[in-house]
Each structure stands twice: as structure tokens, then as C-alpha cells.
């Protein structure tokens, strides 16, 4: 990490600590997410030699009850992430690796999440716990290296306690999959997050979940028009009928 980057990082971390000190009086501070995102981007830039050995990382994000965990399971081809119809059920990031991670790779993950605690040996409970799981393909074939992160929501009532994890996950990801439903695609919290991450140019795919065939075309067109208006670049929009 260069001296300039290190100086800027320490400055932003001091700002973050001051913002956290004011959180009780202003829990919805507009500066919290941008600070988290900027700090995480600087950490990634400064630690690039360490984290380049990690598999490609896909962050699956979205508002509550959009079907994130179910889509993670669809991508993995097995039931690994625990899905629930309850709002705010997933409150800790869950990483699923398709290949065995070396000790160096596990160290790299702790480097990119220095304030988080790996909770594999106990149920996640603290605000910054996360879990990491190696998946068995069951086919006997070597799977392509990939690390998929199932994330908490960022819009439920309880999200104020864990929403800060989402900008960090996005900053460390190589690609982002945003999962929204027909009820949530226009939600203000969704577009606030998209505006935050868009300037970095991360590869973005959007999944419109829980849409009927009749709704899919109209919603896809509406979403594409809104993305164009907001000057948000994306790779594609995929409509799915229903993943609970």
C-alpha cells in the first residue's frame, strides 16, 4: 500500500469512527455506507498482491425476501444457503467456495475483511461474524473455482444493525448479482445502493425474481429504462418465475 493510499485510508477510518460515535443520535446517517465502501475499496487496492490468489468472488445482494439465498442455491446446484420466508433471516455473510481454499487464501479473506470474525465453529452472533463453507460437488469432477457470498438484506427494520456489511462485500467482489422482486425493484434502498457502487464499474447482473411471464417483459423494460436514466451500467437483466 502506497503512503498516499495509507494516509487516505487512516483519514477515512477516523471519519468512520466519528460517524459511529454519532450513530445513536443519527442511525440513518447518509455517510455510513459511502465511508464503508470507500474504506473497503482502498483496502482492496492496498492488499491486491495478497488477495489476487482468491477465486473469483460473486456477491449476491438484494432487499429482504427477494430470494437471495434461493438463488445462491440455484447457482451452486445444491441447498447450501438456508432460505426462509422471514424478513431479515440472513443477517451474516455466508461464503460458499466450490474448491478447497488454501491457508494462504483463507488468510487473504481475513485481510479483505479485517474487522470481521470467522464464525464457522459457532453460530454467528456478533455484528461482524461471517461463515465460510467448502462445497462438495458430488459429481467427482473438479468444479471451477468460485466464491459466492450470500448476503443480509439492507432494507428491513433490523438491517440497521448489519447493513454496513453490504458495501464491504460489494467492494471486495469481482461481480455483483442483485436480486429484486416485482415488489422491491423500485425500492429507494435498492437505488441508493446501486448509485453507490455504480461509479466503480463492477460487473452487475440483475435478477428479477418472482415474476410471471406476463410481468417479466414489462418489468424488465421498466427496470432497463430506469438504469439508463440513472447512468448505471449493467451486463443483463434476468427474469425468474419464483424462487422463495
C-alpha atoms as a PDB file:
ATOM      1  CA  UNK A   1       0.000   0.000   0.000  1.00  0.00           C
ATOM      2  CA  UNK A   2       1.452   3.383  -1.007  1.00  0.00           C
ATOM      3  CA  UNK A   3       1.980   6.141   1.549  1.00  0.00           C
ATOM      4  CA  UNK A   4      -0.762   8.234  -0.087  1.00  0.00           C
ATOM      5  CA  UNK A   5      -3.270   5.375  -0.002  1.00  0.00           C
ATOM      6  CA  UNK A   6      -2.353   4.546   3.585  1.00  0.00           C
ATOM      7  CA  UNK A   7      -2.793   8.168   4.653  1.00  0.00           C
ATOM      8  CA  UNK A   8      -6.179   8.427   2.956  1.00  0.00           C
ATOM      9  CA  UNK A   9      -7.285   5.114   4.467  1.00  0.00           C
ATOM     10  CA  UNK A  10      -6.397   6.222   8.005  1.00  0.00           C
ATOM     11  CA  UNK A  11      -8.189   9.521   7.462  1.00  0.00           C
ATOM     12  CA  UNK A  12     -11.376   7.779   6.315  1.00  0.00           C
ATOM     13  CA  UNK A  13     -11.162   5.319   9.199  1.00  0.00           C
ATOM     14  CA  UNK A  14     -11.028   8.240  11.639  1.00  0.00           C
ATOM     15  CA  UNK A  15     -14.080   9.748   9.972  1.00  0.00           C
ATOM     16  CA  UNK A  16     -15.818   6.396  10.229  1.00  0.00           C
ATOM     17  CA  UNK A  17     -15.121   6.137  13.965  1.00  0.00           C
ATOM     18  CA  UNK A  18     -16.521   9.626  14.486  1.00  0.00           C
ATOM     19  CA  UNK A  19     -19.599   8.722  12.457  1.00  0.00           C
ATOM     20  CA  UNK A  20     -20.082   5.573  14.537  1.00  0.00           C
ATOM     21  CA  UNK A  21     -19.891   7.695  17.679  1.00  0.00           C
ATOM     22  CA  UNK A  22     -22.822   9.731  16.395  1.00  0.00           C
ATOM     23  CA  UNK A  23     -24.805   6.688  15.260  1.00  0.00           C
ATOM     24  CA  UNK A  24     -27.049   6.627  18.327  1.00  0.00           C
ATOM     25  CA  UNK A  25     -28.333  10.115  17.610  1.00  0.00           C
ATOM     26  CA  UNK A  26     -28.475   9.608  13.836  1.00  0.00           C
ATOM     27  CA  UNK A  27     -28.719   5.884  12.966  1.00  0.00           C
ATOM     28  CA  UNK A  28     -29.627   6.633   9.342  1.00  0.00           C
ATOM     29  CA  UNK A  29     -26.573   8.768   8.584  1.00  0.00           C
ATOM     30  CA  UNK A  30     -26.118   9.201   4.806  1.00  0.00           C
ATOM     31  CA  UNK A  31     -22.342   8.972   5.230  1.00  0.00           C
ATOM     32  CA  UNK A  32     -22.102   5.467   6.713  1.00  0.00           C
ATOM     33  CA  UNK A  33     -22.421   3.415   3.523  1.00  0.00           C
ATOM     34  CA  UNK A  34     -20.168   5.649   1.363  1.00  0.00           C
ATOM     35  CA  UNK A  35     -17.475   5.578   4.071  1.00  0.00           C
ATOM     36  CA  UNK A  36     -17.671   1.790   4.376  1.00  0.00           C
ATOM     37  CA  UNK A  37     -17.472   1.420   0.609  1.00  0.00           C
ATOM     38  CA  UNK A  38     -14.553   3.824   0.184  1.00  0.00           C
ATOM     39  CA  UNK A  39     -12.555   2.237   3.014  1.00  0.00           C
ATOM     40  CA  UNK A  40     -13.142  -1.257   1.638  1.00  0.00           C
ATOM     41  CA  UNK A  41     -12.093  -0.197  -1.872  1.00  0.00           C
ATOM     42  CA  UNK A  42      -8.873   1.293  -0.506  1.00  0.00           C
ATOM     43  CA  UNK A  43      -8.176  -1.872   1.454  1.00  0.00           C
ATOM     44  CA  UNK A  44      -8.699  -3.963  -1.642  1.00  0.00           C
ATOM     45  CA  UNK A  45      -6.385  -1.741  -3.653  1.00  0.00           C
ATOM     46  CA  UNK A  46      -3.704  -1.762  -0.988  1.00  0.00           C
ATOM     47  CA  UNK A  47      -3.907  -5.505  -0.375  1.00  0.00           C
ATOM     48  CA  UNK A  48      -4.176  -6.526  -4.028  1.00  0.00           C
ATOM     49  CA  UNK A  49      -0.970  -8.639  -4.019  1.00  0.00           C
ATOM     50  CA  UNK A  50      -2.402 -10.664  -1.122  1.00  0.00           C
ATOM     51  CA  UNK A  51      -5.952 -11.163  -2.390  1.00  0.00           C
ATOM     52  CA  UNK A  52      -5.221 -11.851  -6.062  1.00  0.00           C
ATOM     53  CA  UNK A  53      -4.872 -15.549  -5.247  1.00  0.00           C
ATOM     54  CA  UNK A  54      -8.527 -15.827  -4.248  1.00  0.00           C
ATOM     55  CA  UNK A  55     -11.129 -17.434  -6.529  1.00  0.00           C
ATOM     56  CA  UNK A  56     -13.454 -15.016  -8.350  1.00  0.00           C
ATOM     57  CA  UNK A  57     -15.915 -13.644  -5.799  1.00  0.00           C
ATOM     58  CA  UNK A  58     -19.608 -13.123  -6.582  1.00  0.00           C
ATOM     59  CA  UNK A  59     -21.660 -11.069  -4.119  1.00  0.00           C
ATOM     60  CA  UNK A  60     -25.388 -11.854  -4.193  1.00  0.00           C
ATOM     61  CA  UNK A  61     -27.197  -8.844  -2.740  1.00  0.00           C
ATOM     62  CA  UNK A  62     -30.761  -7.603  -2.532  1.00  0.00           C
ATOM     63  CA  UNK A  63     -33.571  -6.379  -0.281  1.00  0.00           C
ATOM     64  CA  UNK A  64     -35.407  -8.596   2.165  1.00  0.00           C
ATOM     65  CA  UNK A  65     -37.455 -11.554   0.882  1.00  0.00           C
ATOM     66  CA  UNK A  66     -36.215 -11.156  -2.678  1.00  0.00           C
ATOM     67  CA  UNK A  67     -34.953 -14.754  -2.831  1.00  0.00           C
ATOM     68  CA  UNK A  68     -31.190 -14.222  -2.492  1.00  0.00           C
ATOM     69  CA  UNK A  69     -30.462 -17.458  -0.626  1.00  0.00           C
ATOM     70  CA  UNK A  70     -32.621 -19.488  -3.005  1.00  0.00           C
ATOM     71  CA  UNK A  71     -30.776 -18.027  -5.983  1.00  0.00           C
ATOM     72  CA  UNK A  72     -27.425 -18.836  -4.348  1.00  0.00           C
ATOM     73  CA  UNK A  73     -28.589 -22.444  -4.036  1.00  0.00           C
ATOM     74  CA  UNK A  74     -29.659 -22.431  -7.681  1.00  0.00           C
ATOM     75  CA  UNK A  75     -26.218 -21.210  -8.745  1.00  0.00           C
ATOM     76  CA  UNK A  76     -24.478 -23.780  -6.553  1.00  0.00           C
ATOM     77  CA  UNK A  77     -26.736 -26.630  -7.676  1.00  0.00           C
ATOM     78  CA  UNK A  78     -27.440 -27.666  -4.088  1.00  0.00           C
ATOM     79  CA  UNK A  79     -29.121 -26.468  -0.901  1.00  0.00           C
ATOM     80  CA  UNK A  80     -26.250 -24.764   0.871  1.00  0.00           C
ATOM     81  CA  UNK A  81     -27.666 -21.382   1.889  1.00  0.00           C
ATOM     82  CA  UNK A  82     -30.560 -21.549   4.329  1.00  0.00           C
ATOM     83  CA  UNK A  83     -33.581 -19.825   2.812  1.00  0.00           C
ATOM     84  CA  UNK A  84     -36.528 -18.555   4.822  1.00  0.00           C
ATOM     85  CA  UNK A  85     -39.712 -16.544   4.183  1.00  0.00           C
ATOM     86  CA  UNK A  86     -38.942 -14.497   7.303  1.00  0.00           C
ATOM     87  CA  UNK A  87     -37.750 -10.944   6.746  1.00  0.00           C
ATOM     88  CA  UNK A  88     -34.151 -10.391   7.822  1.00  0.00           C
ATOM     89  CA  UNK A  89     -33.476 -14.118   8.289  1.00  0.00           C
ATOM     90  CA  UNK A  90     -29.947 -13.943   6.836  1.00  0.00           C
ATOM     91  CA  UNK A  91     -28.025 -11.484   8.999  1.00  0.00           C
ATOM     92  CA  UNK A  92     -24.430 -12.616   8.418  1.00  0.00           C
ATOM     93  CA  UNK A  93     -22.499 -13.012   5.150  1.00  0.00           C
ATOM     94  CA  UNK A  94     -22.142 -16.649   4.133  1.00  0.00           C
ATOM     95  CA  UNK A  95     -19.356 -17.612   1.751  1.00  0.00           C
ATOM     96  CA  UNK A  96     -19.557 -20.806  -0.326  1.00  0.00           C
ATOM     97  CA  UNK A  97     -16.415 -21.967  -2.109  1.00  0.00           C
ATOM     98  CA  UNK A  98     -16.575 -24.511  -4.929  1.00  0.00           C
ATOM     99  CA  UNK A  99     -12.971 -25.550  -4.252  1.00  0.00           C
ATOM    100  CA  UNK A 100     -10.845 -26.106  -1.177  1.00  0.00           C
ATOM    101  CA  UNK A 101      -9.245 -22.876  -0.032  1.00  0.00           C
ATOM    102  CA  UNK A 102      -5.577 -22.982   0.874  1.00  0.00           C
ATOM    103  CA  UNK A 103      -4.305 -21.472   4.109  1.00  0.00           C
ATOM    104  CA  UNK A 104      -2.968 -18.547   2.060  1.00  0.00           C
ATOM    105  CA  UNK A 105      -6.399 -17.983   0.517  1.00  0.00           C
ATOM    106  CA  UNK A 106      -8.104 -18.105   3.909  1.00  0.00           C
ATOM    107  CA  UNK A 107      -5.591 -15.581   5.162  1.00  0.00           C
ATOM    108  CA  UNK A 108      -6.410 -13.378   2.171  1.00  0.00           C
ATOM    109  CA  UNK A 109     -10.084 -13.434   3.158  1.00  0.00           C
ATOM    110  CA  UNK A 110      -9.240 -12.260   6.669  1.00  0.00           C
ATOM    111  CA  UNK A 111      -7.148  -9.496   5.088  1.00  0.00           C
ATOM    112  CA  UNK A 112     -10.052  -8.253   2.977  1.00  0.00           C
ATOM    113  CA  UNK A 113     -12.410  -8.413   5.987  1.00  0.00           C
ATOM    114  CA  UNK A 114     -10.093  -7.292   8.822  1.00  0.00           C
ATOM    115  CA  UNK A 115     -12.923  -6.240  11.134  1.00  0.00           C
ATOM    116  CA  UNK A 116     -14.942  -9.424  10.669  1.00  0.00           C
ATOM    117  CA  UNK A 117     -14.761 -12.682  12.612  1.00  0.00           C
ATOM    118  CA  UNK A 118     -14.981 -16.132  11.047  1.00  0.00           C
ATOM    119  CA  UNK A 119     -17.758 -17.959  12.883  1.00  0.00           C
ATOM    120  CA  UNK A 120     -17.509 -21.461  11.419  1.00  0.00           C
ATOM    121  CA  UNK A 121     -17.025 -23.071  14.815  1.00  0.00           C
ATOM    122  CA  UNK A 122     -20.050 -21.468  16.451  1.00  0.00           C
ATOM    123  CA  UNK A 123     -23.380 -19.962  15.375  1.00  0.00           C
ATOM    124  CA  UNK A 124     -22.856 -16.424  14.069  1.00  0.00           C
ATOM    125  CA  UNK A 125     -24.000 -13.935  16.645  1.00  0.00           C
ATOM    126  CA  UNK A 126     -21.851 -10.830  16.633  1.00  0.00           C
ATOM    127  CA  UNK A 127     -22.458  -7.938  14.266  1.00  0.00           C
ATOM    128  CA  UNK A 128     -19.424  -8.717  12.121  1.00  0.00           C
ATOM    129  CA  UNK A 129     -19.412 -12.513  12.049  1.00  0.00           C
ATOM    130  CA  UNK A 130     -19.307 -14.393   8.757  1.00  0.00           C
ATOM    131  CA  UNK A 131     -19.176 -18.044   7.738  1.00  0.00           C
ATOM    132  CA  UNK A 132     -17.207 -19.859   5.053  1.00  0.00           C
ATOM    133  CA  UNK A 133     -18.075 -23.271   3.648  1.00  0.00           C
ATOM    134  CA  UNK A 134     -16.374 -25.594   1.158  1.00  0.00           C
ATOM    135  CA  UNK A 135     -18.929 -27.331  -1.048  1.00  0.00           C
ATOM    136  CA  UNK A 136     -18.740 -30.853  -2.399  1.00  0.00           C
ATOM    137  CA  UNK A 137     -19.975 -31.024  -5.989  1.00  0.00           C
ATOM    138  CA  UNK A 138     -20.861 -34.695  -5.550  1.00  0.00           C
ATOM    139  CA  UNK A 139     -20.042 -35.394  -9.193  1.00  0.00           C
ATOM    140  CA  UNK A 140     -16.396 -36.265  -8.671  1.00  0.00           C
ATOM    141  CA  UNK A 141     -15.431 -33.576 -11.193  1.00  0.00           C
ATOM    142  CA  UNK A 142     -13.293 -30.578 -10.367  1.00  0.00           C
ATOM    143  CA  UNK A 143     -15.513 -27.504 -10.122  1.00  0.00           C
ATOM    144  CA  UNK A 144     -14.423 -24.150 -11.488  1.00  0.00           C
ATOM    145  CA  UNK A 145     -13.033 -22.018  -8.633  1.00  0.00           C
ATOM    146  CA  UNK A 146     -15.703 -19.632  -7.379  1.00  0.00           C
ATOM    147  CA  UNK A 147     -16.573 -17.995  -4.066  1.00  0.00           C
ATOM    148  CA  UNK A 148     -20.234 -16.983  -3.774  1.00  0.00           C
ATOM    149  CA  UNK A 149     -21.357 -14.728  -0.940  1.00  0.00           C
ATOM    150  CA  UNK A 150     -24.949 -14.821   0.293  1.00  0.00           C
ATOM    151  CA  UNK A 151     -25.588 -11.507   2.000  1.00  0.00           C
ATOM    152  CA  UNK A 152     -28.021  -9.991   4.501  1.00  0.00           C
ATOM    153  CA  UNK A 153     -30.732  -7.624   3.345  1.00  0.00           C
ATOM    154  CA  UNK A 154     -30.276  -3.876   3.566  1.00  0.00           C
ATOM    155  CA  UNK A 155     -33.846  -2.613   3.939  1.00  0.00           C
ATOM    156  CA  UNK A 156     -35.641  -4.434   6.770  1.00  0.00           C
ATOM    157  CA  UNK A 157     -36.242  -2.888  10.188  1.00  0.00           C
ATOM    158  CA  UNK A 158     -33.374  -4.867  11.731  1.00  0.00           C
ATOM    159  CA  UNK A 159     -30.976  -4.119   8.842  1.00  0.00           C
ATOM    160  CA  UNK A 160     -29.625  -1.043  10.625  1.00  0.00           C
ATOM    161  CA  UNK A 161     -27.575  -3.459  12.767  1.00  0.00           C
ATOM    162  CA  UNK A 162     -25.890  -5.267   9.849  1.00  0.00           C
ATOM    163  CA  UNK A 163     -26.402  -3.193   6.698  1.00  0.00           C
ATOM    164  CA  UNK A 164     -22.809  -1.914   6.886  1.00  0.00           C
ATOM    165  CA  UNK A 165     -21.593  -5.325   5.659  1.00  0.00           C
ATOM    166  CA  UNK A 166     -23.113  -4.869   2.204  1.00  0.00           C
ATOM    167  CA  UNK A 167     -20.830  -2.057   0.914  1.00  0.00           C
ATOM    168  CA  UNK A 168     -17.817  -4.048   2.141  1.00  0.00           C
ATOM    169  CA  UNK A 169     -18.944  -7.178   0.285  1.00  0.00           C
ATOM    170  CA  UNK A 170     -19.578  -5.169  -2.873  1.00  0.00           C
ATOM    171  CA  UNK A 171     -16.138  -3.552  -2.716  1.00  0.00           C
ATOM    172  CA  UNK A 172     -14.408  -6.931  -2.421  1.00  0.00           C
ATOM    173  CA  UNK A 173     -16.484  -8.684  -5.098  1.00  0.00           C
ATOM    174  CA  UNK A 174     -15.373  -9.310  -8.665  1.00  0.00           C
ATOM    175  CA  UNK A 175     -19.020  -9.267  -9.798  1.00  0.00           C
ATOM    176  CA  UNK A 176     -22.376  -8.459  -8.234  1.00  0.00           C
ATOM    177  CA  UNK A 177     -25.727 -10.196  -8.640  1.00  0.00           C
ATOM    178  CA  UNK A 178     -28.602  -8.017  -7.456  1.00  0.00           C
ATOM    179  CA  UNK A 179     -31.804  -9.932  -6.686  1.00  0.00           C
ATOM    180  CA  UNK A 180     -35.064  -7.981  -6.578  1.00  0.00           C
ATOM    181  CA  UNK A 181     -38.723  -8.913  -6.792  1.00  0.00           C
ATOM    182  CA  UNK A 182     -41.577  -7.154  -8.533  1.00  0.00           C
ATOM    183  CA  UNK A 183     -42.467  -5.581  -5.172  1.00  0.00           C
ATOM    184  CA  UNK A 184     -38.948  -4.351  -4.456  1.00  0.00           C
ATOM    185  CA  UNK A 185     -37.267  -3.392  -7.743  1.00  0.00           C
ATOM    186  CA  UNK A 186     -38.260   0.271  -7.377  1.00  0.00           C
ATOM    187  CA  UNK A 187     -37.470   0.495  -3.661  1.00  0.00           C
ATOM    188  CA  UNK A 188     -35.445   3.540  -2.679  1.00  0.00           C
ATOM    189  CA  UNK A 189     -32.908   1.434  -0.765  1.00  0.00           C
ATOM    190  CA  UNK A 190     -32.131  -0.578  -3.924  1.00  0.00           C
ATOM    191  CA  UNK A 191     -31.374   2.510  -5.980  1.00  0.00           C
ATOM    192  CA  UNK A 192     -29.395   4.140  -3.198  1.00  0.00           C
ATOM    193  CA  UNK A 193     -27.062   1.130  -3.166  1.00  0.00           C
ATOM    194  CA  UNK A 194     -26.855   0.998  -6.970  1.00  0.00           C
ATOM    195  CA  UNK A 195     -25.865   4.666  -7.107  1.00  0.00           C
ATOM    196  CA  UNK A 196     -23.169   3.979  -4.518  1.00  0.00           C
ATOM    197  CA  UNK A 197     -21.482   1.103  -6.357  1.00  0.00           C
ATOM    198  CA  UNK A 198     -22.109   2.175  -9.978  1.00  0.00           C
ATOM    199  CA  UNK A 199     -19.139   4.582 -10.362  1.00  0.00           C
ATOM    200  CA  UNK A 200     -16.671   1.746  -9.688  1.00  0.00           C
ATOM    201  CA  UNK A 201     -17.909  -0.174 -12.736  1.00  0.00           C
ATOM    202  CA  UNK A 202     -18.224  -3.594 -11.111  1.00  0.00           C
ATOM    203  CA  UNK A 203     -19.843  -6.190 -13.411  1.00  0.00           C
ATOM    204  CA  UNK A 204     -23.529  -6.159 -12.447  1.00  0.00           C
ATOM    205  CA  UNK A 205     -26.310  -8.604 -13.292  1.00  0.00           C
ATOM    206  CA  UNK A 206     -29.854  -8.039 -12.044  1.00  0.00           C
ATOM    207  CA  UNK A 207     -32.298 -10.857 -11.354  1.00  0.00           C
ATOM    208  CA  UNK A 208     -35.997 -10.014 -11.356  1.00  0.00           C
ATOM    209  CA  UNK A 209     -37.321 -12.798  -9.146  1.00  0.00           C
ATOM    210  CA  UNK A 210     -40.927 -13.841  -8.528  1.00  0.00           C
ATOM    211  CA  UNK A 211     -42.228 -12.531 -11.862  1.00  0.00           C
ATOM    212  CA  UNK A 212     -44.819 -14.174 -14.082  1.00  0.00           C
ATOM    213  CA  UNK A 213     -44.271 -14.492 -17.820  1.00  0.00           C
ATOM    214  CA  UNK A 214     -46.734 -11.665 -18.391  1.00  0.00           C
ATOM    215  CA  UNK A 215     -44.943  -9.353 -15.950  1.00  0.00           C
ATOM    216  CA  UNK A 216     -41.384 -10.189 -16.987  1.00  0.00           C
ATOM    217  CA  UNK A 217     -41.282  -8.215 -20.240  1.00  0.00           C
ATOM    218  CA  UNK A 218     -42.857  -5.066 -18.796  1.00  0.00           C
ATOM    219  CA  UNK A 219     -40.783  -5.098 -15.604  1.00  0.00           C
ATOM    220  CA  UNK A 220     -37.554  -5.794 -17.489  1.00  0.00           C
ATOM    221  CA  UNK A 221     -38.206  -2.869 -19.827  1.00  0.00           C
ATOM    222  CA  UNK A 222     -39.132  -0.567 -16.934  1.00  0.00           C
ATOM    223  CA  UNK A 223     -36.016  -1.537 -14.990  1.00  0.00           C
ATOM    224  CA  UNK A 224     -33.770  -1.102 -18.038  1.00  0.00           C
ATOM    225  CA  UNK A 225     -35.167   2.379 -18.659  1.00  0.00           C
ATOM    226  CA  UNK A 226     -34.575   3.377 -15.036  1.00  0.00           C
ATOM    227  CA  UNK A 227     -30.998   2.082 -15.172  1.00  0.00           C
ATOM    228  CA  UNK A 228     -30.386   4.132 -18.311  1.00  0.00           C
ATOM    229  CA  UNK A 229     -31.819   7.245 -16.668  1.00  0.00           C
ATOM    230  CA  UNK A 230     -29.521   6.706 -13.683  1.00  0.00           C
ATOM    231  CA  UNK A 231     -26.500   6.040 -15.975  1.00  0.00           C
ATOM    232  CA  UNK A 232     -25.917   2.691 -14.259  1.00  0.00           C
ATOM    233  CA  UNK A 233     -24.046   0.156 -16.381  1.00  0.00           C
ATOM    234  CA  UNK A 234     -25.107  -3.488 -16.161  1.00  0.00           C
ATOM    235  CA  UNK A 235     -24.456  -6.724 -18.014  1.00  0.00           C
ATOM    236  CA  UNK A 236     -28.009  -8.021 -18.165  1.00  0.00           C
ATOM    237  CA  UNK A 237     -31.412  -8.473 -16.551  1.00  0.00           C
ATOM    238  CA  UNK A 238     -32.712 -11.997 -15.952  1.00  0.00           C
ATOM    239  CA  UNK A 239     -36.343 -12.676 -15.008  1.00  0.00           C
ATOM    240  CA  UNK A 240     -37.222 -15.775 -12.985  1.00  0.00           C
ATOM    241  CA  UNK A 241     -40.747 -17.002 -12.225  1.00  0.00           C
ATOM    242  CA  UNK A 242     -40.407 -17.689  -8.488  1.00  0.00           C
ATOM    243  CA  UNK A 243     -37.631 -18.546  -6.059  1.00  0.00           C
ATOM    244  CA  UNK A 244     -38.912 -18.291  -2.448  1.00  0.00           C
END
